[in-house]
PDB file of N, CA and C in Angstrom:
ATOM      1  N   MET A   1     -19.787  14.575  -1.207  1.00  0.00           N
ATOM      2  CA  MET A   1     -18.862  14.513  -2.095  1.00  0.00           C
ATOM      3  C   MET A   1     -19.125  14.502  -3.484  1.00  0.00           C
ATOM      4  N   THR A   2     -19.165  15.427  -4.320  1.00  0.00           N
ATOM      5  CA  THR A   2     -19.699  15.787  -5.647  1.00  0.00           C
ATOM      6  C   THR A   2     -18.595  15.649  -6.667  1.00  0.00           C
ATOM      7  N   GLU A   3     -17.303  15.516  -6.436  1.00  0.00           N
ATOM      8  CA  GLU A   3     -16.450  15.435  -7.426  1.00  0.00           C
ATOM      9  C   GLU A   3     -16.252  14.014  -7.952  1.00  0.00           C
ATOM     10  N   ALA A   4     -15.961  13.917  -9.173  1.00  0.00           N
ATOM     11  CA  ALA A   4     -15.992  12.648  -9.850  1.00  0.00           C
ATOM     12  C   ALA A   4     -14.627  11.885  -9.744  1.00  0.00           C
ATOM     13  N   LEU A   5     -14.526  10.769  -9.431  1.00  0.00           N
ATOM     14  CA  LEU A   5     -13.260   9.891  -9.399  1.00  0.00           C
ATOM     15  C   LEU A   5     -13.065   9.044 -10.550  1.00  0.00           C
ATOM     16  N   GLU A   6     -11.886   8.961 -10.879  1.00  0.00           N
ATOM     17  CA  GLU A   6     -11.570   7.861 -11.925  1.00  0.00           C
ATOM     18  C   GLU A   6     -11.451   6.491 -11.511  1.00  0.00           C
ATOM     19  N   ALA A   7     -10.919   6.390 -10.231  1.00  0.00           N
ATOM     20  CA  ALA A   7     -10.867   4.905  -9.726  1.00  0.00           C
ATOM     21  C   ALA A   7     -10.894   5.031  -8.138  1.00  0.00           C
ATOM     22  N   VAL A   8     -11.507   3.938  -7.800  1.00  0.00           N
ATOM     23  CA  VAL A   8     -11.596   3.776  -6.448  1.00  0.00           C
ATOM     24  C   VAL A   8     -10.936   2.344  -6.091  1.00  0.00           C
ATOM     25  N   VAL A   9     -10.229   2.362  -5.142  1.00  0.00           N
ATOM     26  CA  VAL A   9      -9.437   1.085  -4.579  1.00  0.00           C
ATOM     27  C   VAL A   9     -10.006   0.603  -3.183  1.00  0.00           C
ATOM     28  N   VAL A  10     -10.659  -0.481  -3.174  1.00  0.00           N
ATOM     29  CA  VAL A  10     -11.282  -1.069  -1.857  1.00  0.00           C
ATOM     30  C   VAL A  10     -10.239  -1.740  -1.187  1.00  0.00           C
ATOM     31  N   GLY A  11      -9.539  -1.250   0.137  1.00  0.00           N
ATOM     32  CA  GLY A  11      -8.700  -1.895   0.693  1.00  0.00           C
ATOM     33  C   GLY A  11      -7.317  -1.247   0.663  1.00  0.00           C
ATOM     34  N   GLY A  12      -6.773  -1.083   1.882  1.00  0.00           N
ATOM     35  CA  GLY A  12      -5.550  -0.399   1.914  1.00  0.00           C
ATOM     36  C   GLY A  12      -4.483  -1.132   2.326  1.00  0.00           C
ATOM     37  N   GLY A  13      -4.504  -2.399   2.048  1.00  0.00           N
ATOM     38  CA  GLY A  13      -3.402  -3.254   2.248  1.00  0.00           C
ATOM     39  C   GLY A  13      -2.377  -3.297   1.243  1.00  0.00           C
ATOM     40  N   LEU A  14      -1.409  -4.118   1.222  1.00  0.00           N
ATOM     41  CA  LEU A  14      -0.345  -3.840   0.371  1.00  0.00           C
ATOM     42  C   LEU A  14      -0.651  -3.850  -1.160  1.00  0.00           C
ATOM     43  N   GLY A  15      -1.598  -4.883  -1.632  1.00  0.00           N
ATOM     44  CA  GLY A  15      -2.060  -4.857  -2.891  1.00  0.00           C
ATOM     45  C   GLY A  15      -2.964  -3.633  -3.268  1.00  0.00           C
ATOM     46  N   GLY A  16      -3.768  -3.133  -2.365  1.00  0.00           N
ATOM     47  CA  GLY A  16      -4.517  -1.966  -2.628  1.00  0.00           C
ATOM     48  C   GLY A  16      -3.578  -0.610  -2.848  1.00  0.00           C
ATOM     49  N   LEU A  17      -2.750  -0.482  -1.827  1.00  0.00           N
ATOM     50  CA  LEU A  17      -1.954   0.612  -2.019  1.00  0.00           C
ATOM     51  C   LEU A  17      -0.952   0.616  -3.344  1.00  0.00           C
ATOM     52  N   ALA A  18      -0.547  -0.521  -3.558  1.00  0.00           N
ATOM     53  CA  ALA A  18       0.313  -0.669  -4.716  1.00  0.00           C
ATOM     54  C   ALA A  18      -0.406  -0.349  -5.905  1.00  0.00           C
ATOM     55  N   ALA A  19      -1.746  -0.775  -5.963  1.00  0.00           N
ATOM     56  CA  ALA A  19      -2.551  -0.469  -7.245  1.00  0.00           C
ATOM     57  C   ALA A  19      -2.910   1.095  -7.197  1.00  0.00           C
ATOM     58  N   ALA A  20      -3.223   1.664  -5.986  1.00  0.00           N
ATOM     59  CA  ALA A  20      -3.456   2.990  -5.940  1.00  0.00           C
ATOM     60  C   ALA A  20      -2.242   4.056  -6.268  1.00  0.00           C
ATOM     61  N   TYR A  21      -0.953   3.440  -5.834  1.00  0.00           N
ATOM     62  CA  TYR A  21       0.134   4.263  -6.179  1.00  0.00           C
ATOM     63  C   TYR A  21       0.413   4.061  -7.661  1.00  0.00           C
ATOM     64  N   THR A  22       0.343   2.892  -8.201  1.00  0.00           N
ATOM     65  CA  THR A  22       0.620   2.811  -9.700  1.00  0.00           C
ATOM     66  C   THR A  22      -0.412   3.821 -10.526  1.00  0.00           C
ATOM     67  N   LEU A  23      -1.664   3.790 -10.104  1.00  0.00           N
ATOM     68  CA  LEU A  23      -2.728   4.617 -10.903  1.00  0.00           C
ATOM     69  C   LEU A  23      -2.447   6.062 -10.764  1.00  0.00           C
ATOM     70  N   ALA A  24      -2.107   6.358  -9.503  1.00  0.00           N
ATOM     71  CA  ALA A  24      -1.744   7.739  -9.243  1.00  0.00           C
ATOM     72  C   ALA A  24      -0.452   8.134  -9.981  1.00  0.00           C
ATOM     73  N   LYS A  25       0.534   7.503 -10.023  1.00  0.00           N
ATOM     74  CA  LYS A  25       1.778   7.801 -10.870  1.00  0.00           C
ATOM     75  C   LYS A  25       1.421   7.904 -12.299  1.00  0.00           C
ATOM     76  N   GLY A  26       0.348   7.248 -12.856  1.00  0.00           N
ATOM     77  CA  GLY A  26      -0.100   7.267 -14.031  1.00  0.00           C
ATOM     78  C   GLY A  26      -0.922   8.435 -14.404  1.00  0.00           C
ATOM     79  N   GLY A  27      -1.171   9.279 -13.343  1.00  0.00           N
ATOM     80  CA  GLY A  27      -2.037  10.467 -13.496  1.00  0.00           C
ATOM     81  C   GLY A  27      -3.622  10.454 -13.285  1.00  0.00           C
ATOM     82  N   VAL A  28      -3.843   9.090 -12.778  1.00  0.00           N
ATOM     83  CA  VAL A  28      -5.341   8.737 -12.236  1.00  0.00           C
ATOM     84  C   VAL A  28      -5.682   9.210 -11.076  1.00  0.00           C
ATOM     85  N   GLN A  29      -6.906   9.974 -11.110  1.00  0.00           N
ATOM     86  CA  GLN A  29      -7.207  10.531  -9.589  1.00  0.00           C
ATOM     87  C   GLN A  29      -7.960   9.158  -9.129  1.00  0.00           C
ATOM     88  N   VAL A  30      -7.424   8.894  -7.749  1.00  0.00           N
ATOM     89  CA  VAL A  30      -7.855   7.687  -7.017  1.00  0.00           C
ATOM     90  C   VAL A  30      -8.119   7.896  -5.743  1.00  0.00           C
ATOM     91  N   LEU A  31      -9.164   7.079  -5.232  1.00  0.00           N
ATOM     92  CA  LEU A  31      -9.548   7.149  -3.676  1.00  0.00           C
ATOM     93  C   LEU A  31      -9.303   5.753  -3.123  1.00  0.00           C
ATOM     94  N   VAL A  32      -8.731   5.606  -2.028  1.00  0.00           N
ATOM     95  CA  VAL A  32      -8.711   4.383  -1.400  1.00  0.00           C
ATOM     96  C   VAL A  32      -9.324   4.234  -0.252  1.00  0.00           C
ATOM     97  N   LEU A  33     -10.129   3.280  -0.128  1.00  0.00           N
ATOM     98  CA  LEU A  33     -11.047   2.982   1.050  1.00  0.00           C
ATOM     99  C   LEU A  33     -10.592   1.961   1.826  1.00  0.00           C
ATOM    100  N   GLU A  34     -10.318   2.092   3.261  1.00  0.00           N
ATOM    101  CA  GLU A  34      -9.914   1.049   4.037  1.00  0.00           C
ATOM    102  C   GLU A  34     -10.874   1.199   5.450  1.00  0.00           C
ATOM    103  N   ARG A  35     -11.449   0.261   5.873  1.00  0.00           N
ATOM    104  CA  ARG A  35     -12.305   0.155   7.168  1.00  0.00           C
ATOM    105  C   ARG A  35     -11.487  -0.143   8.351  1.00  0.00           C
ATOM    106  N   GLY A  36     -10.241  -0.345   8.291  1.00  0.00           N
ATOM    107  CA  GLY A  36      -9.561  -0.363   9.467  1.00  0.00           C
ATOM    108  C   GLY A  36      -8.830   0.841   9.832  1.00  0.00           C
ATOM    109  N   ASP A  37      -8.402   0.809  11.107  1.00  0.00           N
ATOM    110  CA  ASP A  37      -7.728   1.921  11.754  1.00  0.00           C
ATOM    111  C   ASP A  37      -6.559   2.648  11.104  1.00  0.00           C
ATOM    112  N   HIS A  38      -5.764   1.731  10.330  1.00  0.00           N
ATOM    113  CA  HIS A  38      -4.621   1.894   9.517  1.00  0.00           C
ATOM    114  C   HIS A  38      -4.494   1.109   8.470  1.00  0.00           C
ATOM    115  N   PRO A  39      -3.819   1.653   7.310  1.00  0.00           N
ATOM    116  CA  PRO A  39      -3.628   0.846   6.110  1.00  0.00           C
ATOM    117  C   PRO A  39      -3.251  -0.727   6.250  1.00  0.00           C
ATOM    118  N   GLY A  40      -4.004  -1.402   5.830  1.00  0.00           N
ATOM    119  CA  GLY A  40      -3.632  -2.906   5.959  1.00  0.00           C
ATOM    120  C   GLY A  40      -4.130  -3.606   7.223  1.00  0.00           C
ATOM    121  N   SER A  41      -4.810  -2.988   7.992  1.00  0.00           N
ATOM    122  CA  SER A  41      -5.117  -3.459   9.226  1.00  0.00           C
ATOM    123  C   SER A  41      -5.974  -4.635   9.374  1.00  0.00           C
ATOM    124  N   LYS A  42      -6.679  -5.057   8.301  1.00  0.00           N
ATOM    125  CA  LYS A  42      -7.504  -6.228   8.167  1.00  0.00           C
ATOM    126  C   LYS A  42      -6.780  -7.399   7.758  1.00  0.00           C
ATOM    127  N   ASN A  43      -5.351  -7.062   7.443  1.00  0.00           N
ATOM    128  CA  ASN A  43      -4.547  -8.315   6.941  1.00  0.00           C
ATOM    129  C   ASN A  43      -4.542  -9.576   7.824  1.00  0.00           C
ATOM    130  N   VAL A  44      -4.771 -10.551   7.343  1.00  0.00           N
ATOM    131  CA  VAL A  44      -4.651 -11.854   8.108  1.00  0.00           C
ATOM    132  C   VAL A  44      -3.094 -12.178   8.211  1.00  0.00           C
ATOM    133  N   THR A  45      -2.503 -12.064   7.104  1.00  0.00           N
ATOM    134  CA  THR A  45      -0.894 -12.295   7.204  1.00  0.00           C
ATOM    135  C   THR A  45      -0.355 -11.014   6.321  1.00  0.00           C
ATOM    136  N   GLY A  46       0.811 -10.942   6.381  1.00  0.00           N
ATOM    137  CA  GLY A  46       1.410  -9.859   5.792  1.00  0.00           C
ATOM    138  C   GLY A  46       2.826 -10.193   5.821  1.00  0.00           C
ATOM    139  N   GLY A  47       3.655  -9.116   5.233  1.00  0.00           N
ATOM    140  CA  GLY A  47       5.099  -9.337   5.170  1.00  0.00           C
ATOM    141  C   GLY A  47       5.868  -7.992   4.909  1.00  0.00           C
ATOM    142  N   ARG A  48       7.075  -7.986   5.091  1.00  0.00           N
ATOM    143  CA  ARG A  48       7.693  -6.846   5.156  1.00  0.00           C
ATOM    144  C   ARG A  48       8.210  -6.689   3.748  1.00  0.00           C
ATOM    145  N   LEU A  49       8.458  -5.231   3.370  1.00  0.00           N
ATOM    146  CA  LEU A  49       8.962  -5.019   2.183  1.00  0.00           C
ATOM    147  C   LEU A  49      10.357  -4.611   2.282  1.00  0.00           C
ATOM    148  N   TYR A  50      11.262  -5.677   1.989  1.00  0.00           N
ATOM    149  CA  TYR A  50      12.749  -5.025   1.823  1.00  0.00           C
ATOM    150  C   TYR A  50      12.983  -4.326   0.575  1.00  0.00           C
ATOM    151  N   LEU A  51      13.507  -3.183   0.855  1.00  0.00           N
ATOM    152  CA  LEU A  51      13.496  -2.160  -0.317  1.00  0.00           C
ATOM    153  C   LEU A  51      14.622  -2.374  -1.312  1.00  0.00           C
ATOM    154  N   ASN A  52      15.839  -2.907  -0.764  1.00  0.00           N
ATOM    155  CA  ASN A  52      16.991  -3.172  -1.814  1.00  0.00           C
ATOM    156  C   ASN A  52      16.471  -3.936  -3.136  1.00  0.00           C
ATOM    157  N   PRO A  53      15.675  -5.015  -2.976  1.00  0.00           N
ATOM    158  CA  PRO A  53      15.495  -5.801  -4.180  1.00  0.00           C
ATOM    159  C   PRO A  53      14.467  -4.902  -5.260  1.00  0.00           C
ATOM    160  N   VAL A  54      13.749  -4.108  -4.605  1.00  0.00           N
ATOM    161  CA  VAL A  54      12.781  -3.362  -5.420  1.00  0.00           C
ATOM    162  C   VAL A  54      13.191  -1.924  -5.978  1.00  0.00           C
ATOM    163  N   ARG A  55      14.361  -1.511  -5.625  1.00  0.00           N
ATOM    164  CA  ARG A  55      14.974  -0.243  -5.929  1.00  0.00           C
ATOM    165  C   ARG A  55      15.123  -0.027  -7.288  1.00  0.00           C
ATOM    166  N   PRO A  56      15.530  -0.957  -8.114  1.00  0.00           N
ATOM    167  CA  PRO A  56      15.588  -0.823  -9.530  1.00  0.00           C
ATOM    168  C   PRO A  56      14.307  -0.482 -10.245  1.00  0.00           C
ATOM    169  N   PHE A  57      13.068  -1.002  -9.533  1.00  0.00           N
ATOM    170  CA  PHE A  57      11.814  -0.955 -10.381  1.00  0.00           C
ATOM    171  C   PHE A  57      11.078   0.297  -9.567  1.00  0.00           C
ATOM    172  N   LEU A  58      11.316   0.709  -8.467  1.00  0.00           N
ATOM    173  CA  LEU A  58      10.733   1.768  -7.790  1.00  0.00           C
ATOM    174  C   LEU A  58      11.937   2.585  -6.988  1.00  0.00           C
ATOM    175  N   PRO A  59      12.722   3.340  -7.657  1.00  0.00           N
ATOM    176  CA  PRO A  59      13.882   4.106  -7.079  1.00  0.00           C
ATOM    177  C   PRO A  59      13.341   5.165  -5.946  1.00  0.00           C
ATOM    178  N   ASP A  60      12.275   5.553  -6.106  1.00  0.00           N
ATOM    179  CA  ASP A  60      11.719   6.677  -5.146  1.00  0.00           C
ATOM    180  C   ASP A  60      10.764   6.368  -4.204  1.00  0.00           C
ATOM    181  N   LEU A  61      10.706   4.980  -4.094  1.00  0.00           N
ATOM    182  CA  LEU A  61       9.606   4.512  -3.340  1.00  0.00           C
ATOM    183  C   LEU A  61       9.739   5.053  -1.807  1.00  0.00           C
ATOM    184  N   TRP A  62      10.915   4.834  -1.333  1.00  0.00           N
ATOM    185  CA  TRP A  62      11.157   5.280  -0.023  1.00  0.00           C
ATOM    186  C   TRP A  62      10.931   6.572   0.479  1.00  0.00           C
ATOM    187  N   GLU A  63      11.329   7.402  -0.579  1.00  0.00           N
ATOM    188  CA  GLU A  63      10.977   9.026  -0.340  1.00  0.00           C
ATOM    189  C   GLU A  63       9.585   9.399  -0.631  1.00  0.00           C
ATOM    190  N   GLU A  64       8.878   8.621  -1.543  1.00  0.00           N
ATOM    191  CA  GLU A  64       7.273   8.979  -1.767  1.00  0.00           C
ATOM    192  C   GLU A  64       6.254   7.961  -0.816  1.00  0.00           C
ATOM    193  N   ALA A  65       6.878   7.138  -0.080  1.00  0.00           N
ATOM    194  CA  ALA A  65       5.875   6.359   0.644  1.00  0.00           C
ATOM    195  C   ALA A  65       5.288   7.299   1.954  1.00  0.00           C
ATOM    196  N   PRO A  66       3.997   7.311   1.690  1.00  0.00           N
ATOM    197  CA  PRO A  66       3.275   8.180   2.452  1.00  0.00           C
ATOM    198  C   PRO A  66       3.208   7.812   4.041  1.00  0.00           C
ATOM    199  N   LEU A  67       3.551   6.555   4.466  1.00  0.00           N
ATOM    200  CA  LEU A  67       3.680   6.455   5.918  1.00  0.00           C
ATOM    201  C   LEU A  67       4.494   4.982   6.003  1.00  0.00           C
ATOM    202  N   GLU A  68       4.570   4.643   7.354  1.00  0.00           N
ATOM    203  CA  GLU A  68       5.332   3.492   7.725  1.00  0.00           C
ATOM    204  C   GLU A  68       4.497   2.715   8.573  1.00  0.00           C
ATOM    205  N   ARG A  69       4.379   1.515   8.519  1.00  0.00           N
ATOM    206  CA  ARG A  69       3.541   0.685   9.407  1.00  0.00           C
ATOM    207  C   ARG A  69       4.426  -0.163  10.360  1.00  0.00           C
ATOM    208  N   PRO A  70       4.346   0.133  11.664  1.00  0.00           N
ATOM    209  CA  PRO A  70       5.336  -0.793  12.468  1.00  0.00           C
ATOM    210  C   PRO A  70       5.189  -2.249  12.663  1.00  0.00           C
ATOM    211  N   VAL A  71       5.841  -3.031  12.707  1.00  0.00           N
ATOM    212  CA  VAL A  71       5.751  -4.583  12.926  1.00  0.00           C
ATOM    213  C   VAL A  71       5.221  -4.559  14.297  1.00  0.00           C
ATOM    214  N   THR A  72       4.167  -5.126  14.628  1.00  0.00           N
ATOM    215  CA  THR A  72       3.366  -5.314  16.039  1.00  0.00           C
ATOM    216  C   THR A  72       3.526  -6.797  16.437  1.00  0.00           C
ATOM    217  N   ARG A  73       3.836  -7.686  15.569  1.00  0.00           N
ATOM    218  CA  ARG A  73       3.992  -9.092  15.821  1.00  0.00           C
ATOM    219  C   ARG A  73       4.829  -9.848  14.891  1.00  0.00           C
ATOM    220  N   GLU A  74       5.962 -10.423  15.295  1.00  0.00           N
ATOM    221  CA  GLU A  74       6.768 -11.308  14.128  1.00  0.00           C
ATOM    222  C   GLU A  74       6.573 -12.766  14.349  1.00  0.00           C
ATOM    223  N   VAL A  75       6.207 -13.354  13.400  1.00  0.00           N
ATOM    224  CA  VAL A  75       6.413 -14.799  13.451  1.00  0.00           C
ATOM    225  C   VAL A  75       6.925 -15.395  12.358  1.00  0.00           C
ATOM    226  N   ILE A  76       8.029 -16.320  12.434  1.00  0.00           N
ATOM    227  CA  ILE A  76       8.704 -17.027  11.502  1.00  0.00           C
ATOM    228  C   ILE A  76       8.327 -18.423  11.197  1.00  0.00           C
ATOM    229  N   THR A  77       7.786 -18.621  10.010  1.00  0.00           N
ATOM    230  CA  THR A  77       7.504 -19.969   9.682  1.00  0.00           C
ATOM    231  C   THR A  77       8.235 -20.703   8.933  1.00  0.00           C
ATOM    232  N   ALA A  78       8.502 -21.928   9.031  1.00  0.00           N
ATOM    233  CA  ALA A  78       9.191 -22.705   7.830  1.00  0.00           C
ATOM    234  C   ALA A  78       8.585 -23.809   7.659  1.00  0.00           C
ATOM    235  N   MET A  79       8.522 -24.134   6.149  1.00  0.00           N
ATOM    236  CA  MET A  79       7.999 -25.291   5.734  1.00  0.00           C
ATOM    237  C   MET A  79       8.840 -26.246   5.205  1.00  0.00           C
TER     238      MET A  79
END
């Protein structure tokens, strides 16, 4: 690969993808590196993103999201 990149994001979890998405929306050429089989596969813990609360801030997120990760195991914890 000989082309220059403006940003490299290490990790395709929720934080990494959010950073890459924000950079790309700002016109930055970005590369996301993820060592797992799918984005966020190395998460120890994670959560669901409920779209209704974030719609005012990211109105096109649902249409622009590049993928959907299925819930493979659900654990509900109360403190």
